[in-house]
Amino acid sequence: MKQHILTKVKGKWDAQPPKEKIWWVRNITAMLSSIASTIIKPILFPPLLDIMLSSPSSTIAALTGVTLILIVPAILSRYYLKITQEQIGGWMPYFTAGLITSLFLWLTLWTTAYTLLST
C-alpha cells in the first residue's frame, strides 16, 4: 500500500512541468525557512517580547529567511532537479516562479510562529 502511494506521488511529480516543480520547491523552502527564521531570532536575542523587525536580531532573522527563499530553491532546482533556465523560459522566470506566493507564505508562517512564541 505504501509503495503504491509513493509510486503515484512520484508519477504525478514527474508529470509536472519544470515551472511547477520550482513553485513547489520554493514554497516548501519558504515553510522551512520560516521555521529557521523563528528559531534564529530567540538565539540571537533571547527576550521575545520586542516588536518584530525592531531589533538587529529580528532583521537578521528576516534577511536569513528571505535569503533562504531566494538561494536554496535555485540551488535545488538547478543541481538536484536538473532544471535549466531554457526549460523555464529564461533566467527571470527561473528566479521569479512562485516568488510572491512563497514570500507571503513565509511572512505568514513566520509571523504566526513568532506570535505564538512571544505569548
N, C-alpha and C. Protein backbone atom coordinates (compact mmCIF):
# COMPACT_ATOMS: atom_id res chain seq x y z
N MET A 1 0.83 -1.20 0.00
CA MET A 1 0.00 0.00 0.00
C MET A 1 0.87 1.26 0.00
N LYS A 2 1.87 1.29 0.90
CA LYS A 2 2.75 2.46 1.00
C LYS A 2 3.52 2.66 -0.30
N GLN A 3 3.99 1.56 -0.88
CA GLN A 3 4.74 1.63 -2.14
C GLN A 3 3.84 2.15 -3.27
N HIS A 4 2.57 1.75 -3.26
CA HIS A 4 1.63 2.20 -4.29
C HIS A 4 1.41 3.71 -4.21
N ILE A 5 1.28 4.23 -3.00
CA ILE A 5 1.08 5.67 -2.81
C ILE A 5 2.31 6.44 -3.27
N LEU A 6 3.50 5.95 -2.89
CA LEU A 6 4.74 6.61 -3.30
C LEU A 6 4.91 6.59 -4.82
N THR A 7 4.50 5.49 -5.46
CA THR A 7 4.58 5.40 -6.91
C THR A 7 3.65 6.41 -7.57
N LYS A 8 2.45 6.58 -7.03
CA LYS A 8 1.50 7.55 -7.58
C LYS A 8 2.02 8.98 -7.41
N VAL A 9 2.57 9.27 -6.23
CA VAL A 9 3.10 10.62 -5.97
C VAL A 9 4.27 10.91 -6.90
N LYS A 10 5.17 9.94 -7.06
CA LYS A 10 6.31 10.12 -7.95
C LYS A 10 5.86 10.31 -9.40
N GLY A 11 4.84 9.56 -9.81
CA GLY A 11 4.30 9.72 -11.16
C GLY A 11 3.72 11.11 -11.39
N LYS A 12 2.99 11.61 -10.40
CA LYS A 12 2.43 12.96 -10.52
C LYS A 12 3.54 14.01 -10.51
N TRP A 13 4.58 13.80 -9.71
CA TRP A 13 5.70 14.74 -9.66
C TRP A 13 6.42 14.77 -11.01
N ASP A 14 6.66 13.60 -11.59
CA ASP A 14 7.36 13.53 -12.88
C ASP A 14 6.54 14.13 -14.01
N ALA A 15 5.21 14.10 -13.88
CA ALA A 15 4.35 14.64 -14.93
C ALA A 15 4.25 16.16 -14.89
N GLN A 16 4.66 16.78 -13.80
CA GLN A 16 4.57 18.24 -13.70
C GLN A 16 5.61 18.92 -14.58
N PRO A 17 5.25 20.08 -15.14
CA PRO A 17 6.25 20.84 -15.90
C PRO A 17 7.30 21.43 -14.95
N PRO A 18 8.47 21.77 -15.46
CA PRO A 18 9.55 22.29 -14.61
C PRO A 18 9.17 23.53 -13.80
N LYS A 19 8.35 24.41 -14.37
CA LYS A 19 7.95 25.62 -13.65
C LYS A 19 7.14 25.29 -12.40
N GLU A 20 6.29 24.27 -12.49
CA GLU A 20 5.51 23.85 -11.33
C GLU A 20 6.41 23.22 -10.27
N LYS A 21 7.42 22.48 -10.68
CA LYS A 21 8.35 21.88 -9.73
C LYS A 21 9.09 22.97 -8.95
N ILE A 22 9.51 24.01 -9.66
CA ILE A 22 10.19 25.12 -8.98
C ILE A 22 9.24 25.79 -7.99
N TRP A 23 7.97 25.93 -8.38
CA TRP A 23 6.98 26.54 -7.49
C TRP A 23 6.87 25.73 -6.20
N TRP A 24 6.78 24.41 -6.30
CA TRP A 24 6.68 23.56 -5.12
C TRP A 24 7.94 23.64 -4.27
N VAL A 25 9.09 23.58 -4.90
CA VAL A 25 10.35 23.65 -4.15
C VAL A 25 10.45 24.98 -3.42
N ARG A 26 10.08 26.05 -4.09
CA ARG A 26 10.16 27.38 -3.48
C ARG A 26 9.21 27.49 -2.27
N ASN A 27 8.01 26.95 -2.37
CA ASN A 27 7.06 27.05 -1.26
C ASN A 27 7.43 26.14 -0.09
N ILE A 28 7.94 24.96 -0.38
CA ILE A 28 8.41 24.09 0.71
C ILE A 28 9.60 24.74 1.41
N THR A 29 10.48 25.35 0.63
CA THR A 29 11.61 26.06 1.22
C THR A 29 11.13 27.25 2.05
N ALA A 30 10.07 27.92 1.62
CA ALA A 30 9.53 29.04 2.39
C ALA A 30 9.01 28.57 3.75
N MET A 31 8.36 27.41 3.76
CA MET A 31 7.88 26.88 5.04
C MET A 31 9.05 26.55 5.97
N LEU A 32 10.06 25.90 5.44
CA LEU A 32 11.21 25.54 6.27
C LEU A 32 12.00 26.76 6.72
N SER A 33 12.13 27.75 5.85
CA SER A 33 12.90 28.94 6.24
C SER A 33 12.14 29.81 7.23
N SER A 34 10.81 29.75 7.22
CA SER A 34 10.06 30.48 8.26
C SER A 34 10.31 29.87 9.63
N ILE A 35 10.44 28.55 9.67
CA ILE A 35 10.79 27.90 10.93
C ILE A 35 12.21 28.28 11.34
N ALA A 36 13.12 28.28 10.38
CA ALA A 36 14.51 28.66 10.67
C ALA A 36 14.59 30.10 11.17
N SER A 37 13.85 31.00 10.55
CA SER A 37 13.86 32.40 10.98
C SER A 37 13.29 32.56 12.38
N THR A 38 12.28 31.76 12.70
CA THR A 38 11.70 31.82 14.03
C THR A 38 12.67 31.30 15.08
N ILE A 39 13.43 30.27 14.73
CA ILE A 39 14.40 29.71 15.67
C ILE A 39 15.61 30.63 15.83
N ILE A 40 16.04 31.27 14.75
CA ILE A 40 17.22 32.15 14.79
C ILE A 40 16.99 33.35 15.70
N LYS A 41 15.81 33.92 15.67
CA LYS A 41 15.52 35.14 16.43
C LYS A 41 15.77 34.97 17.92
N PRO A 42 15.22 33.94 18.59
CA PRO A 42 15.48 33.82 20.03
C PRO A 42 16.94 33.49 20.36
N ILE A 43 17.62 32.83 19.45
CA ILE A 43 19.02 32.52 19.69
C ILE A 43 19.85 33.80 19.69
N LEU A 44 19.53 34.71 18.77
CA LEU A 44 20.28 35.96 18.67
C LEU A 44 19.90 36.96 19.75
N PHE A 45 18.65 36.94 20.16
CA PHE A 45 18.16 37.94 21.11
C PHE A 45 17.09 37.29 22.00
N PRO A 46 17.43 36.77 23.17
CA PRO A 46 16.52 35.97 23.97
C PRO A 46 15.17 36.60 24.33
N PRO A 47 15.06 37.86 24.73
CA PRO A 47 13.72 38.36 25.06
C PRO A 47 12.83 38.40 23.81
N LEU A 48 11.74 37.66 23.86
CA LEU A 48 10.87 37.54 22.69
C LEU A 48 9.77 38.60 22.65
N LEU A 49 9.71 39.47 23.63
CA LEU A 49 8.57 40.38 23.70
C LEU A 49 8.79 41.71 22.98
N ASP A 50 9.84 41.82 22.18
CA ASP A 50 10.01 43.07 21.44
C ASP A 50 9.25 42.99 20.12
N ILE A 51 9.15 44.09 19.45
CA ILE A 51 8.40 44.16 18.20
C ILE A 51 9.24 43.58 17.07
N MET A 52 8.58 42.85 16.16
CA MET A 52 9.30 42.27 15.04
C MET A 52 9.97 43.36 14.22
N LEU A 53 11.16 43.09 13.76
CA LEU A 53 11.99 43.97 12.94
C LEU A 53 12.43 45.24 13.68
N SER A 54 12.26 45.28 15.01
CA SER A 54 12.69 46.46 15.74
C SER A 54 14.11 46.31 16.28
N SER A 55 14.64 45.11 16.24
CA SER A 55 15.99 44.88 16.74
C SER A 55 16.85 44.31 15.62
N PRO A 56 18.15 44.43 15.75
CA PRO A 56 19.03 43.86 14.73
C PRO A 56 18.87 42.36 14.57
N SER A 57 18.56 41.65 15.66
CA SER A 57 18.39 40.20 15.55
C SER A 57 17.15 39.84 14.72
N SER A 58 16.09 40.63 14.83
CA SER A 58 14.90 40.40 14.01
C SER A 58 15.21 40.64 12.54
N THR A 59 15.97 41.66 12.27
CA THR A 59 16.35 41.95 10.89
C THR A 59 17.22 40.83 10.33
N ILE A 60 18.14 40.32 11.14
CA ILE A 60 18.98 39.21 10.69
C ILE A 60 18.13 37.98 10.42
N ALA A 61 17.16 37.70 11.29
CA ALA A 61 16.28 36.55 11.09
C ALA A 61 15.46 36.71 9.82
N ALA A 62 14.95 37.91 9.58
CA ALA A 62 14.16 38.15 8.37
C ALA A 62 15.02 38.02 7.12
N LEU A 63 16.20 38.60 7.14
CA LEU A 63 17.09 38.50 5.98
C LEU A 63 17.54 37.07 5.73
N THR A 64 17.74 36.31 6.79
CA THR A 64 18.09 34.90 6.63
C THR A 64 16.97 34.14 5.95
N GLY A 65 15.74 34.37 6.38
CA GLY A 65 14.60 33.69 5.76
C GLY A 65 14.43 34.04 4.30
N VAL A 66 14.52 35.31 3.98
CA VAL A 66 14.36 35.74 2.59
C VAL A 66 15.51 35.21 1.73
N THR A 67 16.72 35.20 2.27
CA THR A 67 17.86 34.66 1.53
C THR A 67 17.67 33.17 1.26
N LEU A 68 17.16 32.45 2.25
CA LEU A 68 16.89 31.03 2.04
C LEU A 68 15.84 30.82 0.96
N ILE A 69 14.83 31.68 0.93
CA ILE A 69 13.79 31.56 -0.09
C ILE A 69 14.36 31.80 -1.49
N LEU A 70 15.32 32.68 -1.61
CA LEU A 70 15.87 33.01 -2.92
C LEU A 70 16.95 32.05 -3.38
N ILE A 71 17.84 31.63 -2.49
CA ILE A 71 19.02 30.88 -2.90
C ILE A 71 18.79 29.37 -2.91
N VAL A 72 18.20 28.83 -1.86
CA VAL A 72 18.06 27.37 -1.75
C VAL A 72 17.22 26.77 -2.89
N PRO A 73 16.06 27.35 -3.26
CA PRO A 73 15.32 26.77 -4.38
C PRO A 73 16.10 26.82 -5.70
N ALA A 74 16.87 27.87 -5.91
CA ALA A 74 17.67 27.94 -7.14
C ALA A 74 18.71 26.84 -7.18
N ILE A 75 19.35 26.59 -6.06
CA ILE A 75 20.36 25.53 -5.99
C ILE A 75 19.71 24.16 -6.15
N LEU A 76 18.60 23.92 -5.45
CA LEU A 76 17.92 22.63 -5.55
C LEU A 76 17.40 22.36 -6.95
N SER A 77 16.77 23.36 -7.55
CA SER A 77 16.20 23.14 -8.89
C SER A 77 17.28 22.99 -9.95
N ARG A 78 18.38 23.67 -9.78
CA ARG A 78 19.46 23.59 -10.78
C ARG A 78 20.26 22.30 -10.66
N TYR A 79 20.69 21.95 -9.45
CA TYR A 79 21.62 20.83 -9.29
C TYR A 79 20.96 19.52 -8.89
N TYR A 80 19.84 19.57 -8.18
CA TYR A 80 19.18 18.33 -7.77
C TYR A 80 18.11 17.91 -8.77
N LEU A 81 17.25 18.86 -9.15
CA LEU A 81 16.19 18.54 -10.10
C LEU A 81 16.64 18.64 -11.56
N LYS A 82 17.81 19.21 -11.78
CA LYS A 82 18.40 19.36 -13.13
C LYS A 82 17.49 20.15 -14.07
N ILE A 83 16.89 21.22 -13.53
CA ILE A 83 16.05 22.11 -14.34
C ILE A 83 16.92 23.27 -14.81
N THR A 84 16.94 23.50 -16.10
CA THR A 84 17.74 24.60 -16.65
C THR A 84 16.84 25.78 -16.97
N GLN A 85 17.46 26.93 -17.16
CA GLN A 85 16.67 28.12 -17.47
C GLN A 85 16.00 28.02 -18.84
N GLU A 86 16.55 27.22 -19.75
CA GLU A 86 15.93 27.05 -21.06
C GLU A 86 14.59 26.32 -20.95
N GLN A 87 14.46 25.42 -19.98
CA GLN A 87 13.21 24.69 -19.79
C GLN A 87 12.11 25.59 -19.24
N ILE A 88 12.49 26.65 -18.56
CA ILE A 88 11.52 27.54 -17.93
C ILE A 88 11.18 28.72 -18.84
N GLY A 89 12.14 29.18 -19.60
CA GLY A 89 11.91 30.34 -20.46
C GLY A 89 12.85 31.48 -20.16
N GLY A 90 13.98 31.21 -19.56
CA GLY A 90 14.96 32.25 -19.27
C GLY A 90 15.27 32.34 -17.79
N TRP A 91 16.20 33.24 -17.48
CA TRP A 91 16.62 33.41 -16.09
C TRP A 91 15.55 34.07 -15.23
N MET A 92 14.83 35.03 -15.79
CA MET A 92 13.85 35.77 -14.99
C MET A 92 12.75 34.85 -14.45
N PRO A 93 12.08 34.04 -15.29
CA PRO A 93 11.09 33.12 -14.73
C PRO A 93 11.70 32.06 -13.82
N TYR A 94 12.97 31.74 -14.05
CA TYR A 94 13.66 30.75 -13.22
C TYR A 94 13.73 31.21 -11.77
N PHE A 95 13.93 32.50 -11.56
CA PHE A 95 14.03 33.02 -10.19
C PHE A 95 12.72 33.57 -9.66
N THR A 96 11.76 33.89 -10.52
CA THR A 96 10.53 34.51 -10.05
C THR A 96 9.33 33.58 -10.02
N ALA A 97 9.47 32.34 -10.47
CA ALA A 97 8.33 31.40 -10.47
C ALA A 97 7.90 31.13 -9.03
N GLY A 98 6.73 31.58 -8.66
CA GLY A 98 6.20 31.36 -7.32
C GLY A 98 6.83 32.21 -6.23
N LEU A 99 7.57 33.23 -6.60
CA LEU A 99 8.30 34.03 -5.61
C LEU A 99 7.36 34.81 -4.68
N ILE A 100 6.36 35.46 -5.24
CA ILE A 100 5.42 36.24 -4.42
C ILE A 100 4.66 35.33 -3.47
N THR A 101 4.20 34.19 -3.97
CA THR A 101 3.48 33.24 -3.13
C THR A 101 4.36 32.76 -1.98
N SER A 102 5.60 32.42 -2.29
CA SER A 102 6.48 31.91 -1.24
C SER A 102 6.84 33.00 -0.23
N LEU A 103 6.99 34.24 -0.68
CA LEU A 103 7.29 35.32 0.27
C LEU A 103 6.12 35.56 1.22
N PHE A 104 4.90 35.55 0.69
CA PHE A 104 3.73 35.73 1.56
C PHE A 104 3.54 34.53 2.48
N LEU A 105 3.79 33.33 1.97
CA LEU A 105 3.70 32.13 2.81
C LEU A 105 4.72 32.20 3.94
N TRP A 106 5.96 32.58 3.61
CA TRP A 106 7.00 32.72 4.63
C TRP A 106 6.61 33.77 5.66
N LEU A 107 6.13 34.93 5.21
CA LEU A 107 5.76 36.01 6.13
C LEU A 107 4.63 35.59 7.05
N THR A 108 3.63 34.92 6.51
CA THR A 108 2.50 34.46 7.32
C THR A 108 2.94 33.45 8.37
N LEU A 109 3.70 32.45 7.95
CA LEU A 109 4.14 31.42 8.89
C LEU A 109 5.10 31.99 9.94
N TRP A 110 6.00 32.87 9.51
CA TRP A 110 6.96 33.45 10.45
C TRP A 110 6.23 34.32 11.48
N THR A 111 5.29 35.13 11.03
CA THR A 111 4.53 35.98 11.95
C THR A 111 3.72 35.14 12.93
N THR A 112 3.10 34.08 12.42
CA THR A 112 2.31 33.20 13.29
C THR A 112 3.19 32.52 14.33
N ALA A 113 4.30 31.96 13.90
CA ALA A 113 5.21 31.28 14.84
C ALA A 113 5.79 32.26 15.84
N TYR A 114 6.15 33.45 15.37
CA TYR A 114 6.71 34.47 16.25
C TYR A 114 5.69 34.89 17.31
N THR A 115 4.44 35.06 16.88
CA THR A 115 3.39 35.46 17.80
C THR A 115 3.12 34.36 18.83
N LEU A 116 3.10 33.12 18.38
CA LEU A 116 2.87 32.01 19.31
C LEU A 116 3.99 31.89 20.33
N LEU A 117 5.22 32.13 19.90
CA LEU A 117 6.35 32.04 20.83
C LEU A 117 6.39 33.20 21.81
N SER A 118 5.93 34.36 21.39
CA SER A 118 6.05 35.54 22.26
C SER A 118 4.90 35.68 23.25
N THR A 119 3.87 34.86 23.14
CA THR A 119 2.75 34.96 24.08
C THR A 119 2.94 34.08 25.28
